[in-house]
Structure formats: C-alpha cells, structure tokens
Amino acid sequence: MSKLDQEDRDDMSAKQFAFPKQRKEPLEDASHVRNAIARFNQVQGVTDHERDEAWKHIRAAAKKFDVEVNETDWREIGKGKK
C-alpha cells in the first residue's frame, strides 16, 4: 500500500474516500480498499446510514481494483462463514 501523507490526502477528492464527509478510509488502490474493509468497524463517529454509503463506495472500488469481497453487507465483516 502506498503511504499517503497529509498533503496527499488533502489533494484527494472527497469521492476517493469510503467516508467522504469525514475523509476517512481512502480508496485509491487495491491495497487501500483491502485496508478500508479490514478497518471498517474501527471507524468512529459515523452513523449506520453513513456506513451503508461507505460500503457502497468500498464495493465499487473493490470492483474497480479487482479486490475480492466475500461480504455482501458491512454488518457481515468479521463474522466469518457459517
């Protein structure tokens, strides 16, 4: 994953983040998408509606960068297969 410094993050469009309003979880490449999924439940200060929207952004970025996502909903993250 490429390391983003604050200047890089500031230069990114809000649309390039899973949580655009908060500018949290950048989605600039496959590595960042995987990281956003792994850290999704650690994001604080967001509503379930914002999480629903962020999940849509992550799924779109995952498709764009060919990242496999097994979960269909963010509520499934970390639950494992049954």
Protein backbone atom coordinates (compact mmCIF):
# COMPACT_ATOMS: atom_id res chain seq x y z
CA MET A 1 0.00 0.00 0.00
CA SER A 2 1.33 3.37 -0.90
CA LYS A 3 1.71 5.62 2.12
CA LEU A 4 -0.38 8.78 1.95
CA ASP A 5 0.95 11.79 3.77
CA GLN A 6 -1.37 14.59 4.85
CA GLU A 7 -0.67 16.62 1.71
CA ASP A 8 -1.60 13.64 -0.50
CA ARG A 9 -4.82 13.13 1.48
CA ASP A 10 -5.66 16.82 1.24
CA ASP A 11 -5.23 16.69 -2.55
CA MET A 12 -7.64 13.77 -2.92
CA SER A 13 -11.25 14.35 -3.88
CA ALA A 14 -13.77 13.51 -1.16
CA LYS A 15 -15.20 10.94 -3.60
CA GLN A 16 -11.99 8.93 -3.19
CA PHE A 17 -12.79 8.10 0.45
CA ALA A 18 -15.15 5.45 1.79
CA PHE A 19 -16.45 8.09 4.22
CA PRO A 20 -16.25 11.27 2.09
CA LYS A 21 -17.70 13.71 4.65
CA GLN A 22 -15.16 12.64 7.27
CA ARG A 23 -12.43 11.96 4.65
CA LYS A 24 -11.78 8.57 6.24
CA GLU A 25 -10.55 5.39 4.56
CA PRO A 26 -9.01 6.39 1.20
CA LEU A 27 -9.79 4.10 -1.73
CA GLU A 28 -7.01 4.97 -4.15
CA ASP A 29 -5.79 1.44 -4.94
CA ALA A 30 -6.42 -2.24 -4.17
CA SER A 31 -4.32 -2.17 -1.02
CA HIS A 32 -6.25 0.79 0.38
CA VAL A 33 -9.54 -0.94 -0.44
CA ARG A 34 -8.47 -4.06 1.49
CA ASN A 35 -7.37 -1.84 4.38
CA ALA A 36 -10.70 0.03 4.36
CA ILE A 37 -12.54 -3.28 4.67
CA ALA A 38 -10.25 -4.50 7.46
CA ARG A 39 -10.63 -1.26 9.44
CA PHE A 40 -14.28 -0.60 8.61
CA ASN A 41 -15.63 -1.46 12.07
CA GLN A 42 -12.98 0.72 13.73
CA VAL A 43 -14.26 3.95 12.16
CA GLN A 44 -15.87 6.08 14.84
CA GLY A 45 -18.27 8.99 14.71
CA VAL A 46 -20.36 7.80 11.76
CA THR A 47 -23.98 6.72 11.51
CA ASP A 48 -25.26 3.43 10.15
CA HIS A 49 -26.53 5.35 7.12
CA GLU A 50 -23.00 6.68 6.53
CA ARG A 51 -21.67 3.14 6.89
CA ASP A 52 -24.21 1.93 4.30
CA GLU A 53 -23.00 4.59 1.89
CA ALA A 54 -19.34 3.89 2.65
CA TRP A 55 -19.90 0.19 1.99
CA LYS A 56 -21.25 1.07 -1.47
CA HIS A 57 -18.11 3.11 -2.15
CA ILE A 58 -15.89 0.27 -0.97
CA ARG A 59 -17.73 -2.30 -3.10
CA ALA A 60 -17.40 -0.08 -6.18
CA ALA A 61 -13.69 0.48 -5.53
CA ALA A 62 -13.19 -3.24 -4.93
CA LYS A 63 -14.73 -3.99 -8.31
CA LYS A 64 -12.59 -1.31 -9.96
CA PHE A 65 -9.35 -2.64 -8.44
CA ASP A 66 -10.33 -6.34 -8.70
CA VAL A 67 -10.43 -6.92 -4.93
CA GLU A 68 -12.47 -9.93 -3.82
CA VAL A 69 -15.12 -9.07 -1.23
CA ASN A 70 -16.97 -12.00 0.33
CA GLU A 71 -19.31 -9.94 2.49
CA THR A 72 -22.45 -8.54 0.89
CA ASP A 73 -23.13 -6.16 3.77
CA TRP A 74 -20.78 -4.34 6.16
CA ARG A 75 -22.56 -5.97 9.09
CA GLU A 76 -21.03 -9.30 7.99
CA ILE A 77 -17.43 -8.11 8.37
CA GLY A 78 -15.60 -10.30 10.87
CA LYS A 79 -18.49 -12.72 11.29
CA GLY A 80 -16.91 -15.49 9.19
CA LYS A 81 -18.67 -18.03 7.03
CA LYS A 82 -21.46 -20.11 8.50
